[in-house]
C-alpha atoms as a PDB file:
ATOM      1  CA  UNK A   1      89.111-115.703 105.967  1.00  0.00           C
ATOM      2  CA  UNK A   2      89.372-114.898 101.929  1.00  0.00           C
ATOM      3  CA  UNK A   3      92.598-113.532 100.770  1.00  0.00           C
ATOM      4  CA  UNK A   4      90.763-110.299  99.594  1.00  0.00           C
ATOM      5  CA  UNK A   5      89.792-109.470 103.112  1.00  0.00           C
ATOM      6  CA  UNK A   6      93.196-110.118 104.402  1.00  0.00           C
ATOM      7  CA  UNK A   7      94.675-107.863 101.655  1.00  0.00           C
ATOM      8  CA  UNK A   8      92.100-105.298 102.595  1.00  0.00           C
ATOM      9  CA  UNK A   9      92.939-105.556 106.356  1.00  0.00           C
ATOM     10  CA  UNK A  10      96.751-105.390 105.550  1.00  0.00           C
ATOM     11  CA  UNK A  11      96.409-102.383 103.269  1.00  0.00           C
ATOM     12  CA  UNK A  12      94.150-100.590 106.090  1.00  0.00           C
ATOM     13  CA  UNK A  13      96.550-101.360 108.691  1.00  0.00           C
ATOM     14  CA  UNK A  14      99.632-100.068 106.598  1.00  0.00           C
ATOM     15  CA  UNK A  15      97.612 -96.861 105.947  1.00  0.00           C
ATOM     16  CA  UNK A  16      96.995 -96.179 109.502  1.00  0.00           C
ATOM     17  CA  UNK A  17     100.355 -96.591 110.297  1.00  0.00           C
ATOM     18  CA  UNK A  18     101.519 -94.216 107.572  1.00  0.00           C
ATOM     19  CA  UNK A  19      99.053 -91.822 108.267  1.00  0.00           C
ATOM     20  CA  UNK A  20      99.832 -91.736 112.059  1.00  0.00           C
ATOM     21  CA  UNK A  21     103.406 -91.398 111.273  1.00  0.00           C
ATOM     22  CA  UNK A  22     102.864 -88.484 109.089  1.00  0.00           C
ATOM     23  CA  UNK A  23     100.526 -86.999 111.438  1.00  0.00           C
ATOM     24  CA  UNK A  24     102.747 -87.307 114.186  1.00  0.00           C
ATOM     25  CA  UNK A  25     105.630 -86.016 112.422  1.00  0.00           C
ATOM     26  CA  UNK A  26     103.807 -82.986 111.368  1.00  0.00           C
ATOM     27  CA  UNK A  27     102.320 -82.121 114.737  1.00  0.00           C
ATOM     28  CA  UNK A  28     105.871 -82.193 116.127  1.00  0.00           C
ATOM     29  CA  UNK A  29     107.131 -79.912 113.657  1.00  0.00           C
ATOM     30  CA  UNK A  30     104.406 -77.475 113.806  1.00  0.00           C
ATOM     31  CA  UNK A  31     104.278 -77.431 117.422  1.00  0.00           C
ATOM     32  CA  UNK A  32     106.100 -74.635 119.063  1.00  0.00           C
ATOM     33  CA  UNK A  33     109.003 -76.664 121.097  1.00  0.00           C
ATOM     34  CA  UNK A  34     112.471 -76.060 122.133  1.00  0.00           C
ATOM     35  CA  UNK A  35     115.107 -77.775 119.962  1.00  0.00           C
ATOM     36  CA  UNK A  36     116.160 -80.486 122.497  1.00  0.00           C
ATOM     37  CA  UNK A  37     112.291 -81.235 123.454  1.00  0.00           C
ATOM     38  CA  UNK A  38     111.797 -81.356 119.705  1.00  0.00           C
ATOM     39  CA  UNK A  39     114.577 -83.974 118.950  1.00  0.00           C
ATOM     40  CA  UNK A  40     113.413 -86.002 121.922  1.00  0.00           C
ATOM     41  CA  UNK A  41     109.851 -86.028 120.663  1.00  0.00           C
ATOM     42  CA  UNK A  42     111.063 -86.983 117.019  1.00  0.00           C
ATOM     43  CA  UNK A  43     113.311 -89.503 118.498  1.00  0.00           C
ATOM     44  CA  UNK A  44     110.585 -91.257 120.468  1.00  0.00           C
ATOM     45  CA  UNK A  45     108.019 -90.865 117.524  1.00  0.00           C
ATOM     46  CA  UNK A  46     110.605 -92.622 115.418  1.00  0.00           C
ATOM     47  CA  UNK A  47     111.003 -95.453 117.708  1.00  0.00           C
ATOM     48  CA  UNK A  48     107.408 -95.873 118.216  1.00  0.00           C
ATOM     49  CA  UNK A  49     106.941 -95.758 114.437  1.00  0.00           C
ATOM     50  CA  UNK A  50     109.831 -98.196 114.003  1.00  0.00           C
ATOM     51  CA  UNK A  51     108.445-100.697 116.310  1.00  0.00           C
ATOM     52  CA  UNK A  52     104.988-100.424 115.036  1.00  0.00           C
ATOM     53  CA  UNK A  53     106.447-101.246 111.499  1.00  0.00           C
ATOM     54  CA  UNK A  54     108.585-104.152 112.821  1.00  0.00           C
ATOM     55  CA  UNK A  55     105.263-105.536 114.246  1.00  0.00           C
ATOM     56  CA  UNK A  56     103.587-104.870 111.184  1.00  0.00           C
ATOM     57  CA  UNK A  57     106.310-106.578 109.145  1.00  0.00           C
ATOM     58  CA  UNK A  58     106.356-109.431 111.541  1.00  0.00           C
ATOM     59  CA  UNK A  59     102.394-109.987 111.286  1.00  0.00           C
ATOM     60  CA  UNK A  60     102.325-109.493 107.659  1.00  0.00           C
ATOM     61  CA  UNK A  61     105.305-112.460 107.506  1.00  0.00           C
ATOM     62  CA  UNK A  62     103.362-114.781 109.659  1.00  0.00           C
ATOM     63  CA  UNK A  63      99.973-114.251 107.799  1.00  0.00           C
ATOM     64  CA  UNK A  64     102.098-114.852 104.651  1.00  0.00           C
ATOM     65  CA  UNK A  65     103.396-118.141 105.962  1.00  0.00           C
ATOM     66  CA  UNK A  66      99.912-119.228 107.159  1.00  0.00           C
ATOM     67  CA  UNK A  67      98.718-118.749 103.730  1.00  0.00           C
ATOM     68  CA  UNK A  68     101.591-120.405 102.240  1.00  0.00           C
ATOM     69  CA  UNK A  69     100.742-123.432 104.511  1.00  0.00           C
ATOM     70  CA  UNK A  70      97.191-123.194 103.717  1.00  0.00           C
ATOM     71  CA  UNK A  71      98.038-123.174  99.819  1.00  0.00           C
ATOM     72  CA  UNK A  72     100.363-125.910 100.081  1.00  0.00           C
ATOM     73  CA  UNK A  73      97.668-128.071 102.072  1.00  0.00           C
ATOM     74  CA  UNK A  74      94.995-127.410  99.482  1.00  0.00           C
ATOM     75  CA  UNK A  75      97.289-128.049  96.748  1.00  0.00           C
ATOM     76  CA  UNK A  76      98.280-131.592  98.157  1.00  0.00           C
ATOM     77  CA  UNK A  77      94.734-132.069  98.907  1.00  0.00           C
ATOM     78  CA  UNK A  78      93.579-131.419  95.008  1.00  0.00           C
ATOM     79  CA  UNK A  79      96.507-133.481  94.036  1.00  0.00           C
ATOM     80  CA  UNK A  80      95.386-136.699  95.893  1.00  0.00           C
ATOM     81  CA  UNK A  81      91.772-135.973  94.697  1.00  0.00           C
ATOM     82  CA  UNK A  82      92.978-135.677  91.022  1.00  0.00           C
ATOM     83  CA  UNK A  83      95.031-138.682  91.453  1.00  0.00           C
ATOM     84  CA  UNK A  84      91.946-140.725  92.922  1.00  0.00           C
ATOM     85  CA  UNK A  85      89.661-139.663  90.066  1.00  0.00           C
ATOM     86  CA  UNK A  86      92.323-140.563  87.566  1.00  0.00           C
ATOM     87  CA  UNK A  87      92.559-143.889  88.904  1.00  0.00           C
ATOM     88  CA  UNK A  88      88.796-144.191  89.132  1.00  0.00           C
ATOM     89  CA  UNK A  89      88.528-143.153  85.346  1.00  0.00           C
ATOM     90  CA  UNK A  90      91.257-145.532  84.660  1.00  0.00           C
ATOM     91  CA  UNK A  91      89.615-148.577  86.180  1.00  0.00           C
ATOM     92  CA  UNK A  92      86.253-147.841  84.775  1.00  0.00           C
ATOM     93  CA  UNK A  93      88.047-147.366  81.113  1.00  0.00           C
ATOM     94  CA  UNK A  94      89.640-150.733  81.650  1.00  0.00           C
ATOM     95  CA  UNK A  95      86.285-152.438  82.783  1.00  0.00           C
ATOM     96  CA  UNK A  96      84.647-150.770  79.978  1.00  0.00           C
ATOM     97  CA  UNK A  97      87.419-152.249  77.350  1.00  0.00           C
ATOM     98  CA  UNK A  98      87.162-155.655  79.240  1.00  0.00           C
ATOM     99  CA  UNK A  99      83.325-155.542  78.731  1.00  0.00           C
ATOM    100  CA  UNK A 100      83.440-154.315  75.202  1.00  0.00           C
ATOM    101  CA  UNK A 101      86.101-157.310  74.430  1.00  0.00           C
ATOM    102  CA  UNK A 102      83.843-159.857  76.133  1.00  0.00           C
ATOM    103  CA  UNK A 103      80.685-158.700  73.962  1.00  0.00           C
ATOM    104  CA  UNK A 104      83.005-158.870  70.785  1.00  0.00           C
ATOM    105  CA  UNK A 105      84.187-162.171  71.613  1.00  0.00           C
ATOM    106  CA  UNK A 106      80.898-163.555  72.362  1.00  0.00           C
ATOM    107  CA  UNK A 107      79.617-161.922  68.888  1.00  0.00           C
ATOM    108  CA  UNK A 108      82.555-163.546  67.093  1.00  0.00           C
ATOM    109  CA  UNK A 109      81.748-166.937  68.477  1.00  0.00           C
ATOM    110  CA  UNK A 110      78.052-166.473  67.717  1.00  0.00           C
ATOM    111  CA  UNK A 111      78.886-165.409  64.063  1.00  0.00           C
ATOM    112  CA  UNK A 112      81.425-168.442  63.598  1.00  0.00           C
ATOM    113  CA  UNK A 113      78.695-170.664  65.080  1.00  0.00           C
ATOM    114  CA  UNK A 114      76.021-169.226  62.658  1.00  0.00           C
ATOM    115  CA  UNK A 115      78.629-169.660  59.799  1.00  0.00           C
ATOM    116  CA  UNK A 116      79.543-173.050  60.810  1.00  0.00           C
ATOM    117  CA  UNK A 117      76.038-173.835  60.812  1.00  0.00           C
ATOM    118  CA  UNK A 118      75.256-172.406  57.406  1.00  0.00           C
ATOM    119  CA  UNK A 119      78.414-174.269  55.772  1.00  0.00           C
ATOM    120  CA  UNK A 120      76.700-177.449  57.455  1.00  0.00           C
ATOM    121  CA  UNK A 121      73.428-176.761  55.938  1.00  0.00           C
ATOM    122  CA  UNK A 122      74.751-175.924  52.360  1.00  0.00           C
ATOM    123  CA  UNK A 123      77.472-179.028  52.774  1.00  0.00           C
ATOM    124  CA  UNK A 124      74.903-181.525  53.476  1.00  0.00           C
ATOM    125  CA  UNK A 125      72.823-181.315  49.937  1.00  0.00           C
ATOM    126  CA  UNK A 126      76.068-181.207  48.218  1.00  0.00           C
ATOM    127  CA  UNK A 127      77.468-184.300  49.842  1.00  0.00           C
ATOM    128  CA  UNK A 128      74.250-186.072  49.079  1.00  0.00           C
ATOM    129  CA  UNK A 129      74.631-184.940  45.586  1.00  0.00           C
ATOM    130  CA  UNK A 130      77.925-186.441  45.232  1.00  0.00           C
ATOM    131  CA  UNK A 131      77.249-189.833  45.039  1.00  0.00           C
ATOM    132  CA  UNK A 132      74.485-189.354  42.481  1.00  0.00           C
ATOM    133  CA  UNK A 133      76.993-187.218  40.459  1.00  0.00           C
ATOM    134  CA  UNK A 134      79.641-189.813  40.778  1.00  0.00           C
ATOM    135  CA  UNK A 135      77.318-192.768  39.499  1.00  0.00           C
ATOM    136  CA  UNK A 136      76.111-190.779  36.488  1.00  0.00           C
ATOM    137  CA  UNK A 137      79.331-190.404  35.227  1.00  0.00           C
ATOM    138  CA  UNK A 138      80.275-193.934  34.683  1.00  0.00           C
END
């Protein structure tokens, strides 16, 4: 049950208890009775009101404990979910970083191989021209 409904019920119950007490006291004070009988009625009404107030306080305390337990359970459940999601995101980020590193390594290797091939391509004509240059100098 939602907290709003519980709050409305508690407020309604409290209103009924207070309204009933006021009505009972007013009826006792306005009714024509003898002093001893009026005192007995007031004492009985006070005891009934006191009992109902204690019952209401106990019920409210119980509901508060239940709501606190539910809130604690929900908080714990949410913390576990958040922890799981965080761990999943960390693993996914780690996988992405590793994949990026592997791609970067492959690219670097490809670039290195291409550069080496270009150096070989340029070096071969120079190497073959070197003996001709040496022979022409003497």
